[in-house]
Amino acid sequence: MNIENITLPLFLPAVRMDRLAKAVGSGADAIIFDLEDAVGPDDKDTARALLVETLGKTPVRLPVLVRINAESTPWYEADILACADLPIDAVVLPKAETADACHDVSERTGKPVIALIETALGMDNAKAIAGACRRLAFGSIDYAADLGIAHMRDSLLHARATLVLAARLAGQTGPLDGVTTNIKDAEVITSDSEHSVSMGFGGKLLIHPAQVQPSRTGFAPSQMELDWAHRVLEAASGGAAAVEVDGAMVDAPVLKRAGQVISRAGG
């Protein structure tokens, strides 16, 4: 499974396997079985056992990821051992703060790692971490709490730009952006997804099936963007080094941008 192609993965608490069919049918690109934040301390072992049982007998027609508990927790070792034997596509490592932590998970499970950056230290080591994992993801809520800042776009601009740059330098697909806590307002969800795209993210973590379609709308280019991209590509098809479209000069970087817009539309 090419986890670089995942755009909208949906979290599912491993203690709520009764929601699996709904999650799979939501339109999400992947399911992230969550052993961490969505599971209380007293339910960790039960959640892990349910995960092992479910994946052992129930084929899931989407890519399967597992968010384990952080390296510093008492559940980490058991989670690692379970993931090594499970038919999953990647392990999501929360509170990723060092390249060594990513290497440990990858080597011991034999699975690709998605490193979830959620702390100041993790952000400071983002470039090294990107070189040690398959993909980066942003735990924006935990990150804001760690720094004592508001969970708002302006407050998180630097963090988002840092992760996108780290991913690019590592030759990775754009990172997965953090969750939107609102699960009912489609306009808010779509707007957040549009912001993710504008910052260079390649996808977004979701926490509810109702977020899938609004997020997909946000990640898709608008008709205006598509029309512009087609005009640019058509104008450049003659082979000229620079042409004019809509009163603006089009050269190689603009042409590349037009191609990216078409790609986002699946063209």
Protein backbone atom coordinates (compact mmCIF):
# COMPACT_ATOMS: atom_id res chain seq x y z
CA MET A 1 0.00 0.00 0.00
CA ASN A 2 1.31 3.42 -0.97
CA ILE A 3 0.51 5.51 2.11
CA GLU A 4 1.72 8.59 0.26
CA ASN A 5 -1.58 8.54 -1.63
CA ILE A 6 -3.70 8.75 1.52
CA THR A 7 -5.46 12.12 1.76
CA LEU A 8 -8.27 11.71 4.28
CA PRO A 9 -7.70 9.01 6.92
CA LEU A 10 -10.38 8.59 9.58
CA PHE A 11 -9.69 7.78 13.23
CA LEU A 12 -11.68 4.96 14.79
CA PRO A 13 -11.29 4.18 18.51
CA ALA A 14 -10.19 0.57 18.79
CA VAL A 15 -12.77 0.08 21.54
CA ARG A 16 -15.59 0.94 19.11
CA MET A 17 -15.38 -1.78 16.51
CA ASP A 18 -19.16 -1.55 16.21
CA ARG A 19 -18.50 1.61 14.17
CA LEU A 20 -16.17 -0.09 11.70
CA ALA A 21 -18.71 -0.60 8.90
CA LYS A 22 -19.78 3.05 9.09
CA ALA A 23 -16.16 4.21 9.06
CA VAL A 24 -15.30 2.06 6.04
CA GLY A 25 -18.35 3.32 4.17
CA SER A 26 -17.70 6.97 5.00
CA GLY A 27 -15.61 7.69 1.93
CA ALA A 28 -12.39 8.06 3.91
CA ASP A 29 -9.13 6.96 2.28
CA ALA A 30 -7.94 4.90 5.24
CA ILE A 31 -8.89 3.87 8.76
CA ILE A 32 -6.64 4.75 11.69
CA PHE A 33 -7.43 2.37 14.52
CA ASP A 34 -6.67 4.43 17.60
CA LEU A 35 -5.09 2.92 20.68
CA GLU A 36 -4.03 6.29 22.09
CA ASP A 37 -6.11 9.44 22.77
CA ALA A 38 -9.52 7.90 22.07
CA VAL A 39 -8.94 5.08 24.56
CA GLY A 40 -8.86 5.59 28.34
CA PRO A 41 -6.06 4.12 30.47
CA ASP A 42 -8.27 1.37 31.86
CA ASP A 43 -9.29 0.25 28.36
CA LYS A 44 -5.89 0.11 26.65
CA ASP A 45 -5.44 -3.66 26.89
CA THR A 46 -9.04 -4.29 25.86
CA ALA A 47 -8.68 -2.01 22.85
CA ARG A 48 -5.52 -3.79 21.72
CA ALA A 49 -7.15 -7.19 22.10
CA LEU A 50 -10.19 -6.06 20.11
CA LEU A 51 -7.92 -4.72 17.38
CA VAL A 52 -6.04 -8.00 17.10
CA GLU A 53 -9.28 -9.99 17.08
CA THR A 54 -11.00 -7.78 14.51
CA LEU A 55 -8.14 -7.58 12.04
CA GLY A 56 -7.59 -11.31 12.43
CA LYS A 57 -11.04 -12.18 11.13
CA THR A 58 -12.47 -9.11 9.36
CA PRO A 59 -11.01 -7.96 6.03
CA VAL A 60 -10.98 -4.16 5.80
CA ARG A 61 -11.19 -2.89 2.23
CA LEU A 62 -9.34 0.33 3.05
CA PRO A 63 -5.72 0.87 4.04
CA VAL A 64 -5.33 0.18 7.75
CA LEU A 65 -3.19 2.30 10.05
CA VAL A 66 -2.77 1.97 13.80
CA ARG A 67 -1.98 4.83 16.15
CA ILE A 68 -0.08 3.27 19.01
CA ASN A 69 0.62 4.80 22.39
CA ALA A 70 3.65 7.04 22.78
CA GLU A 71 7.10 5.67 23.52
CA SER A 72 7.02 7.05 27.07
CA THR A 73 3.84 5.18 28.05
CA PRO A 74 3.49 1.75 29.68
CA TRP A 75 1.48 0.46 26.70
CA TYR A 76 4.07 1.15 24.02
CA GLU A 77 5.82 -2.23 24.15
CA ALA A 78 2.63 -4.26 23.88
CA ASP A 79 1.40 -2.04 21.04
CA ILE A 80 4.65 -2.56 19.14
CA LEU A 81 4.47 -6.33 19.53
CA ALA A 82 0.85 -6.37 18.36
CA CYS A 83 1.53 -4.22 15.29
CA ALA A 84 4.41 -6.47 14.24
CA ASP A 85 1.95 -9.33 13.72
CA LEU A 86 -1.01 -7.40 12.33
CA PRO A 87 -1.90 -7.01 8.62
CA ILE A 88 -1.61 -3.21 8.64
CA ASP A 89 -0.16 -0.67 6.22
CA ALA A 90 1.54 1.71 8.64
CA VAL A 91 2.01 2.64 12.28
CA VAL A 92 1.16 6.15 13.43
CA LEU A 93 3.63 7.20 16.14
CA PRO A 94 2.23 9.93 18.42
CA LYS A 95 4.43 12.47 20.19
CA ALA A 96 7.22 11.71 17.71
CA GLU A 97 10.23 13.67 18.88
CA THR A 98 13.33 11.95 17.47
CA ALA A 99 14.45 10.07 14.40
CA ASP A 100 15.54 7.20 16.65
CA ALA A 101 11.97 6.73 17.88
CA CYS A 102 10.76 6.35 14.30
CA HIS A 103 13.53 3.90 13.48
CA ASP A 104 12.63 1.84 16.55
CA VAL A 105 9.00 1.50 15.50
CA SER A 106 9.84 0.71 11.89
CA GLU A 107 12.50 -1.87 12.72
CA ARG A 108 10.48 -3.65 15.38
CA THR A 109 7.16 -3.76 13.54
CA GLY A 110 8.41 -4.03 9.97
CA LYS A 111 5.88 -1.38 9.00
CA PRO A 112 6.20 2.15 7.58
CA VAL A 113 5.84 4.94 10.14
CA ILE A 114 3.73 8.07 10.02
CA ALA A 115 5.28 10.43 12.56
CA LEU A 116 2.76 12.59 14.37
CA ILE A 117 4.45 15.84 15.41
CA GLU A 118 2.73 17.15 18.54
CA THR A 119 5.38 18.85 20.68
CA ALA A 120 7.91 21.66 20.51
CA LEU A 121 10.77 19.13 20.54
CA GLY A 122 9.21 17.15 17.72
CA MET A 123 8.80 20.31 15.67
CA ASP A 124 12.41 21.31 16.33
CA ASN A 125 13.52 17.88 15.06
CA ALA A 126 11.06 17.78 12.16
CA LYS A 127 13.71 17.55 9.43
CA ALA A 128 15.48 14.63 11.09
CA ILE A 129 12.19 12.90 11.82
CA ALA A 130 11.06 13.32 8.21
CA GLY A 131 14.18 11.49 7.11
CA ALA A 132 13.34 8.57 9.39
CA CYS A 133 9.64 8.04 8.59
CA ARG A 134 7.47 7.54 5.55
CA ARG A 135 5.26 10.55 6.17
CA LEU A 136 4.69 13.40 8.62
CA ALA A 137 1.42 14.37 10.30
CA PHE A 138 0.53 17.33 12.49
CA GLY A 139 -1.02 16.89 15.94
CA SER A 140 -2.05 20.52 16.03
CA ILE A 141 -4.18 20.42 19.19
CA ASP A 142 -1.50 18.80 21.33
CA TYR A 143 1.13 21.05 19.78
CA ALA A 144 -0.82 24.18 20.65
CA ALA A 145 -1.28 22.91 24.20
CA ASP A 146 2.42 22.13 24.52
CA LEU A 147 3.35 25.68 23.53
CA GLY A 148 0.48 27.33 25.38
CA ILE A 149 -0.84 28.99 22.23
CA ALA A 150 -4.30 29.25 20.72
CA HIS A 151 -5.36 26.53 18.31
CA MET A 152 -5.88 29.05 15.53
CA ARG A 153 -4.57 29.43 12.00
CA ASP A 154 -2.36 32.44 12.68
CA SER A 155 -0.82 30.84 15.77
CA LEU A 156 0.05 27.68 13.84
CA LEU A 157 1.32 29.18 10.58
CA HIS A 158 4.97 28.69 11.47
CA ALA A 159 4.43 25.11 12.62
CA ARG A 160 2.54 24.15 9.48
CA ALA A 161 5.15 25.76 7.24
CA THR A 162 7.91 23.97 9.15
CA LEU A 163 6.33 20.55 8.60
CA VAL A 164 5.65 21.16 4.92
CA LEU A 165 9.25 22.26 4.40
CA ALA A 166 10.60 19.25 6.31
CA ALA A 167 8.51 16.88 4.21
CA ARG A 168 9.64 18.52 0.98
CA LEU A 169 13.31 18.33 1.95
CA ALA A 170 12.84 14.61 2.69
CA GLY A 171 11.21 14.05 -0.68
CA GLN A 172 7.90 13.15 0.92
CA THR A 173 4.30 13.79 -0.02
CA GLY A 174 2.81 16.77 1.81
CA PRO A 175 2.08 16.01 5.49
CA LEU A 176 -1.31 15.17 6.94
CA ASP A 177 -2.75 18.22 8.69
CA GLY A 178 -4.30 18.16 12.15
CA VAL A 179 -7.94 17.54 12.95
CA THR A 180 -10.83 19.97 12.90
CA THR A 181 -12.73 19.61 16.17
CA ASN A 182 -16.01 20.77 14.63
CA ILE A 183 -17.92 17.78 13.26
CA LYS A 184 -21.21 19.45 12.30
CA ASP A 185 -20.43 22.64 10.38
CA ALA A 186 -19.53 21.61 6.84
CA GLU A 187 -18.40 25.13 5.92
CA VAL A 188 -15.88 25.19 8.77
CA ILE A 189 -14.56 21.76 7.84
CA THR A 190 -14.25 22.66 4.17
CA SER A 191 -12.57 25.97 5.00
CA ASP A 192 -10.02 24.23 7.23
CA SER A 193 -9.25 21.77 4.44
CA GLU A 194 -8.80 24.61 1.95
CA HIS A 195 -6.36 26.19 4.39
CA SER A 196 -4.46 22.91 4.62
CA VAL A 197 -4.12 22.82 0.84
CA SER A 198 -2.98 26.43 0.73
CA MET A 199 -0.21 25.62 3.23
CA GLY A 200 1.03 22.65 1.21
CA PHE A 201 -0.45 19.74 3.14
CA GLY A 202 -1.28 16.59 1.25
CA GLY A 203 -4.14 15.47 3.46
CA LYS A 204 -5.92 15.87 6.76
CA LEU A 205 -6.66 13.71 9.79
CA LEU A 206 -10.40 13.21 10.42
CA ILE A 207 -12.24 12.27 13.60
CA HIS A 208 -15.82 11.77 12.37
CA PRO A 209 -17.44 10.33 9.21
CA ALA A 210 -19.35 13.59 8.76
CA GLN A 211 -16.05 15.35 8.07
CA VAL A 212 -15.13 13.25 5.05
CA GLN A 213 -17.14 14.88 2.28
CA PRO A 214 -16.64 18.52 3.42
CA SER A 215 -12.91 17.83 3.66
CA ARG A 216 -12.84 16.24 0.23
CA THR A 217 -14.55 19.33 -1.14
CA GLY A 218 -11.89 21.49 0.48
CA PHE A 219 -9.04 19.47 -0.98
CA ALA A 220 -10.48 19.49 -4.49
CA PRO A 221 -9.70 22.50 -6.69
CA SER A 222 -12.56 24.87 -7.40
CA GLN A 223 -14.00 25.13 -10.88
CA MET A 224 -12.34 28.53 -11.18
CA GLU A 225 -8.95 27.00 -10.37
CA LEU A 226 -9.49 24.18 -12.85
CA ASP A 227 -10.54 26.55 -15.61
CA TRP A 228 -7.44 28.66 -15.00
CA ALA A 229 -5.18 25.61 -15.01
CA HIS A 230 -6.62 24.37 -18.30
CA ARG A 231 -6.17 27.81 -19.87
CA VAL A 232 -2.55 27.89 -18.73
CA LEU A 233 -1.78 24.42 -20.05
CA GLU A 234 -3.49 25.16 -23.34
CA ALA A 235 -1.64 28.44 -23.78
CA ALA A 236 1.68 26.76 -23.04
CA SER A 237 1.05 23.85 -25.39
CA GLY A 238 2.57 25.80 -28.26
CA GLY A 239 6.02 25.44 -26.72
CA ALA A 240 6.76 29.10 -26.00
CA ALA A 241 8.97 29.76 -22.97
CA ALA A 242 6.55 32.35 -21.62
CA VAL A 243 3.00 33.21 -22.60
CA GLU A 244 0.26 35.48 -21.29
CA VAL A 245 -2.94 34.15 -19.66
CA ASP A 246 -5.58 36.39 -18.09
CA GLY A 247 -3.23 39.33 -18.27
CA ALA A 248 -0.43 37.59 -16.39
CA MET A 249 2.77 36.04 -17.66
CA VAL A 250 2.99 32.27 -17.51
CA ASP A 251 6.42 30.71 -17.25
CA ALA A 252 7.74 27.38 -15.93
CA PRO A 253 6.76 27.80 -12.24
CA VAL A 254 3.22 28.86 -13.13
CA LEU A 255 2.94 25.97 -15.54
CA LYS A 256 4.03 23.62 -12.76
CA ARG A 257 1.37 25.08 -10.47
CA ALA A 258 -1.29 24.53 -13.13
CA GLY A 259 -0.25 20.91 -13.38
CA GLN A 260 -0.56 20.54 -9.60
CA VAL A 261 -4.12 21.87 -9.72
CA ILE A 262 -5.06 19.34 -12.41
CA SER A 263 -3.43 16.58 -10.36
CA ARG A 264 -5.50 17.50 -7.29
CA ALA A 265 -8.61 17.03 -9.40
CA GLY A 266 -7.45 13.55 -10.36
CA GLY A 267 -6.71 14.62 -13.93
